[in-house]
Amino acid sequence: GRKSLRQRTVDELKHYYHGLRLLWTDTKVAARMVWRLLHGQVLTRRDRRRLLRTCADLFRLVPFLVFVIVPFMEFLLPVFLKLFPEMLPSTFETESKK
């Protein structure tokens, strides 16, 4: 059946918490990759793609945080996601959104 409002809110908060944790982990890995690059090592194709994805996610996080910080602006988030579907960082996407 249908979940209660409280349960949907808790599920949504868990989703964003896990998304932030994944983004933090990706950022730490990307920092190590940049360190390796600065010391003359060559990245594999897979590492390079991961580094680019993480950098893009960090740039997408800035407009996303505006929606979280400004009061009542989170109600406009679905509208902006319809207009700009690639606005959310990749770690915040659900399987159904992919």
N, C-alpha and C. Protein backbone atom coordinates (compact mmCIF):
# COMPACT_ATOMS: atom_id res chain seq x y z
N GLY A 1 0.79 -1.19 0.00
CA GLY A 1 0.00 0.00 0.00
C GLY A 1 0.83 1.26 0.00
N ARG A 2 0.18 2.28 0.37
CA ARG A 2 0.78 3.60 0.35
C ARG A 2 1.46 3.88 1.68
N LYS A 3 2.62 4.52 1.63
CA LYS A 3 3.36 4.84 2.84
C LYS A 3 2.82 6.13 3.45
N SER A 4 3.00 6.26 4.76
CA SER A 4 2.56 7.47 5.44
C SER A 4 3.52 8.62 5.09
N LEU A 5 3.08 9.82 5.35
CA LEU A 5 3.89 11.01 5.07
C LEU A 5 5.19 10.96 5.86
N ARG A 6 5.10 10.50 7.09
CA ARG A 6 6.31 10.41 7.93
C ARG A 6 7.31 9.42 7.34
N GLN A 7 6.82 8.26 6.88
CA GLN A 7 7.70 7.25 6.32
C GLN A 7 8.32 7.72 5.00
N ARG A 8 7.55 8.41 4.17
CA ARG A 8 8.09 8.94 2.92
C ARG A 8 9.16 10.00 3.19
N THR A 9 8.94 10.82 4.22
CA THR A 9 9.93 11.85 4.59
C THR A 9 11.21 11.20 5.08
N VAL A 10 11.08 10.19 5.92
CA VAL A 10 12.26 9.48 6.43
C VAL A 10 13.01 8.82 5.28
N ASP A 11 12.30 8.18 4.36
CA ASP A 11 12.94 7.55 3.21
C ASP A 11 13.67 8.57 2.35
N GLU A 12 13.07 9.72 2.14
CA GLU A 12 13.71 10.78 1.34
C GLU A 12 14.96 11.32 2.02
N LEU A 13 14.90 11.51 3.33
CA LEU A 13 16.07 11.97 4.07
C LEU A 13 17.20 10.95 4.03
N LYS A 14 16.86 9.67 4.14
CA LYS A 14 17.87 8.61 4.03
C LYS A 14 18.51 8.62 2.65
N HIS A 15 17.69 8.83 1.62
CA HIS A 15 18.20 8.87 0.26
C HIS A 15 19.23 9.98 0.09
N TYR A 16 18.93 11.17 0.59
CA TYR A 16 19.87 12.29 0.47
C TYR A 16 21.10 12.09 1.34
N TYR A 17 20.93 11.48 2.50
CA TYR A 17 22.07 11.19 3.37
C TYR A 17 23.04 10.22 2.67
N HIS A 18 22.50 9.16 2.09
CA HIS A 18 23.34 8.20 1.39
C HIS A 18 23.98 8.82 0.15
N GLY A 19 23.25 9.70 -0.53
CA GLY A 19 23.81 10.40 -1.69
C GLY A 19 24.99 11.28 -1.30
N LEU A 20 24.86 11.99 -0.18
CA LEU A 20 25.97 12.82 0.29
C LEU A 20 27.17 11.98 0.71
N ARG A 21 26.92 10.85 1.35
CA ARG A 21 28.02 9.96 1.72
C ARG A 21 28.75 9.42 0.50
N LEU A 22 28.00 9.03 -0.51
CA LEU A 22 28.62 8.55 -1.75
C LEU A 22 29.42 9.64 -2.44
N LEU A 23 28.87 10.86 -2.44
CA LEU A 23 29.58 11.98 -3.05
C LEU A 23 30.87 12.27 -2.29
N TRP A 24 30.83 12.19 -0.96
CA TRP A 24 32.02 12.41 -0.15
C TRP A 24 33.09 11.35 -0.46
N THR A 25 32.66 10.11 -0.57
CA THR A 25 33.59 9.03 -0.89
C THR A 25 34.20 9.24 -2.28
N ASP A 26 33.37 9.58 -3.25
CA ASP A 26 33.87 9.85 -4.61
C ASP A 26 34.84 11.02 -4.62
N THR A 27 34.57 12.03 -3.79
CA THR A 27 35.45 13.19 -3.74
C THR A 27 36.82 12.82 -3.16
N LYS A 28 36.83 11.98 -2.14
CA LYS A 28 38.10 11.53 -1.57
C LYS A 28 38.91 10.73 -2.59
N VAL A 29 38.24 9.86 -3.32
CA VAL A 29 38.92 9.06 -4.34
C VAL A 29 39.44 9.96 -5.45
N ALA A 30 38.64 10.95 -5.86
CA ALA A 30 39.06 11.88 -6.91
C ALA A 30 40.27 12.71 -6.46
N ALA A 31 40.31 13.07 -5.19
CA ALA A 31 41.46 13.84 -4.68
C ALA A 31 42.73 13.00 -4.76
N ARG A 32 42.61 11.70 -4.46
CA ARG A 32 43.78 10.82 -4.59
C ARG A 32 44.22 10.71 -6.05
N MET A 33 43.25 10.69 -6.96
CA MET A 33 43.58 10.61 -8.39
C MET A 33 44.31 11.88 -8.85
N VAL A 34 43.84 13.02 -8.39
CA VAL A 34 44.50 14.28 -8.73
C VAL A 34 45.92 14.29 -8.17
N TRP A 35 46.08 13.79 -6.96
CA TRP A 35 47.41 13.70 -6.35
C TRP A 35 48.34 12.84 -7.21
N ARG A 36 47.80 11.71 -7.68
CA ARG A 36 48.60 10.84 -8.55
C ARG A 36 48.96 11.54 -9.85
N LEU A 37 48.00 12.28 -10.41
CA LEU A 37 48.26 13.03 -11.65
C LEU A 37 49.36 14.07 -11.44
N LEU A 38 49.30 14.76 -10.32
CA LEU A 38 50.29 15.80 -10.04
C LEU A 38 51.69 15.22 -9.85
N HIS A 39 51.77 13.96 -9.48
CA HIS A 39 53.06 13.31 -9.29
C HIS A 39 53.49 12.49 -10.50
N GLY A 40 52.87 12.75 -11.64
CA GLY A 40 53.33 12.17 -12.89
C GLY A 40 52.78 10.83 -13.28
N GLN A 41 51.87 10.28 -12.51
CA GLN A 41 51.29 8.99 -12.88
C GLN A 41 50.19 9.19 -13.91
N VAL A 42 49.92 8.16 -14.69
CA VAL A 42 48.90 8.21 -15.72
C VAL A 42 47.65 7.49 -15.21
N LEU A 43 46.49 8.10 -15.45
CA LEU A 43 45.23 7.49 -15.03
C LEU A 43 44.71 6.57 -16.12
N THR A 44 44.03 5.53 -15.70
CA THR A 44 43.37 4.66 -16.66
C THR A 44 42.13 5.36 -17.19
N ARG A 45 41.56 4.79 -18.24
CA ARG A 45 40.36 5.38 -18.82
C ARG A 45 39.22 5.40 -17.79
N ARG A 46 39.11 4.33 -17.03
CA ARG A 46 38.07 4.24 -16.01
C ARG A 46 38.26 5.29 -14.92
N ASP A 47 39.51 5.48 -14.48
CA ASP A 47 39.80 6.50 -13.46
C ASP A 47 39.50 7.90 -13.99
N ARG A 48 39.85 8.14 -15.23
CA ARG A 48 39.62 9.45 -15.83
C ARG A 48 38.12 9.75 -15.91
N ARG A 49 37.33 8.75 -16.31
CA ARG A 49 35.88 8.94 -16.37
C ARG A 49 35.29 9.19 -14.99
N ARG A 50 35.80 8.47 -13.98
CA ARG A 50 35.31 8.66 -12.61
C ARG A 50 35.67 10.05 -12.09
N LEU A 51 36.88 10.51 -12.41
CA LEU A 51 37.30 11.84 -11.99
C LEU A 51 36.43 12.92 -12.63
N LEU A 52 36.15 12.79 -13.92
CA LEU A 52 35.30 13.76 -14.60
C LEU A 52 33.88 13.75 -14.05
N ARG A 53 33.34 12.56 -13.77
CA ARG A 53 32.00 12.47 -13.21
C ARG A 53 31.93 13.12 -11.84
N THR A 54 32.95 12.90 -11.02
CA THR A 54 32.97 13.47 -9.67
C THR A 54 33.08 14.99 -9.73
N CYS A 55 33.91 15.50 -10.62
CA CYS A 55 34.03 16.95 -10.76
C CYS A 55 32.70 17.56 -11.22
N ALA A 56 32.05 16.90 -12.17
CA ALA A 56 30.75 17.39 -12.64
C ALA A 56 29.72 17.35 -11.51
N ASP A 57 29.76 16.30 -10.69
CA ASP A 57 28.84 16.20 -9.56
C ASP A 57 29.06 17.33 -8.55
N LEU A 58 30.31 17.68 -8.32
CA LEU A 58 30.60 18.77 -7.37
C LEU A 58 30.07 20.10 -7.90
N PHE A 59 30.17 20.32 -9.22
CA PHE A 59 29.62 21.55 -9.78
C PHE A 59 28.09 21.54 -9.79
N ARG A 60 27.49 20.38 -9.90
CA ARG A 60 26.02 20.29 -9.85
C ARG A 60 25.50 20.44 -8.43
N LEU A 61 26.35 20.19 -7.46
CA LEU A 61 25.93 20.27 -6.06
C LEU A 61 25.61 21.70 -5.64
N VAL A 62 26.29 22.68 -6.23
CA VAL A 62 26.10 24.08 -5.83
C VAL A 62 24.66 24.54 -6.04
N PRO A 63 24.06 24.39 -7.26
CA PRO A 63 22.66 24.82 -7.37
C PRO A 63 21.71 23.96 -6.55
N PHE A 64 22.06 22.69 -6.36
CA PHE A 64 21.22 21.80 -5.55
C PHE A 64 21.18 22.28 -4.10
N LEU A 65 22.32 22.74 -3.57
CA LEU A 65 22.37 23.22 -2.18
C LEU A 65 21.52 24.47 -1.97
N VAL A 66 21.37 25.27 -3.02
CA VAL A 66 20.52 26.46 -2.92
C VAL A 66 19.10 26.02 -2.56
N PHE A 67 18.63 24.95 -3.20
CA PHE A 67 17.28 24.46 -2.91
C PHE A 67 17.16 23.94 -1.49
N VAL A 68 18.22 23.41 -0.96
CA VAL A 68 18.18 22.86 0.39
C VAL A 68 18.27 23.97 1.43
N ILE A 69 19.09 24.98 1.17
CA ILE A 69 19.35 26.04 2.16
C ILE A 69 18.22 27.06 2.24
N VAL A 70 17.71 27.51 1.09
CA VAL A 70 16.67 28.55 1.07
C VAL A 70 15.35 27.93 1.53
N PRO A 71 14.70 28.56 2.54
CA PRO A 71 13.45 28.00 3.06
C PRO A 71 12.35 27.92 2.00
N PHE A 72 11.64 26.83 1.99
CA PHE A 72 10.49 26.55 1.12
C PHE A 72 10.84 26.46 -0.37
N MET A 73 12.12 26.55 -0.71
CA MET A 73 12.49 26.44 -2.12
C MET A 73 12.52 24.97 -2.56
N GLU A 74 12.56 24.06 -1.59
CA GLU A 74 12.58 22.64 -1.96
C GLU A 74 11.28 22.22 -2.65
N PHE A 75 10.24 23.03 -2.48
CA PHE A 75 8.98 22.72 -3.18
C PHE A 75 9.11 22.98 -4.69
N LEU A 76 10.06 23.81 -5.08
CA LEU A 76 10.30 24.09 -6.50
C LEU A 76 11.28 23.10 -7.14
N LEU A 77 11.90 22.27 -6.34
CA LEU A 77 12.88 21.32 -6.87
C LEU A 77 12.31 20.41 -7.95
N PRO A 78 11.11 19.84 -7.78
CA PRO A 78 10.58 19.00 -8.86
C PRO A 78 10.38 19.76 -10.18
N VAL A 79 10.01 21.02 -10.09
CA VAL A 79 9.83 21.83 -11.30
C VAL A 79 11.18 22.01 -12.01
N PHE A 80 12.21 22.34 -11.25
CA PHE A 80 13.53 22.53 -11.86
C PHE A 80 14.11 21.22 -12.37
N LEU A 81 13.78 20.12 -11.73
CA LEU A 81 14.25 18.82 -12.22
C LEU A 81 13.57 18.43 -13.52
N LYS A 82 12.34 18.88 -13.71
CA LYS A 82 11.67 18.66 -15.00
C LYS A 82 12.32 19.49 -16.09
N LEU A 83 12.67 20.74 -15.75
CA LEU A 83 13.29 21.64 -16.73
C LEU A 83 14.74 21.27 -17.01
N PHE A 84 15.48 20.89 -15.96
CA PHE A 84 16.89 20.54 -16.07
C PHE A 84 17.12 19.16 -15.46
N PRO A 85 16.88 18.10 -16.22
CA PRO A 85 16.95 16.75 -15.64
C PRO A 85 18.34 16.33 -15.16
N GLU A 86 19.39 16.93 -15.66
CA GLU A 86 20.75 16.56 -15.25
C GLU A 86 21.27 17.43 -14.10
N MET A 87 20.38 18.11 -13.39
CA MET A 87 20.80 19.03 -12.34
C MET A 87 21.31 18.31 -11.09
N LEU A 88 20.74 17.17 -10.76
CA LEU A 88 21.15 16.45 -9.56
C LEU A 88 22.48 15.74 -9.78
N PRO A 89 23.33 15.71 -8.76
CA PRO A 89 24.55 14.91 -8.86
C PRO A 89 24.19 13.43 -9.05
N SER A 90 25.09 12.69 -9.69
CA SER A 90 24.79 11.30 -10.01
C SER A 90 24.58 10.43 -8.78
N THR A 91 25.14 10.80 -7.66
CA THR A 91 24.98 9.98 -6.45
C THR A 91 23.59 10.13 -5.84
N PHE A 92 22.82 11.10 -6.30
CA PHE A 92 21.47 11.32 -5.76
C PHE A 92 20.40 10.69 -6.64
N GLU A 93 20.78 10.05 -7.75
CA GLU A 93 19.80 9.45 -8.64
C GLU A 93 19.36 8.10 -8.09
N THR A 94 18.08 7.83 -8.26
CA THR A 94 17.56 6.53 -7.88
C THR A 94 17.56 5.64 -9.11
N GLU A 95 17.34 4.36 -8.91
CA GLU A 95 17.31 3.42 -10.05
C GLU A 95 16.19 3.79 -11.02
N SER A 96 15.05 4.26 -10.49
CA SER A 96 13.94 4.61 -11.37
C SER A 96 14.24 5.87 -12.19
N LYS A 97 15.06 6.77 -11.66
CA LYS A 97 15.42 8.00 -12.39
C LYS A 97 16.40 7.72 -13.51
N LYS A 98 17.27 6.69 -13.30
CA LYS A 98 18.26 6.35 -14.34
C LYS A 98 17.55 5.81 -15.55
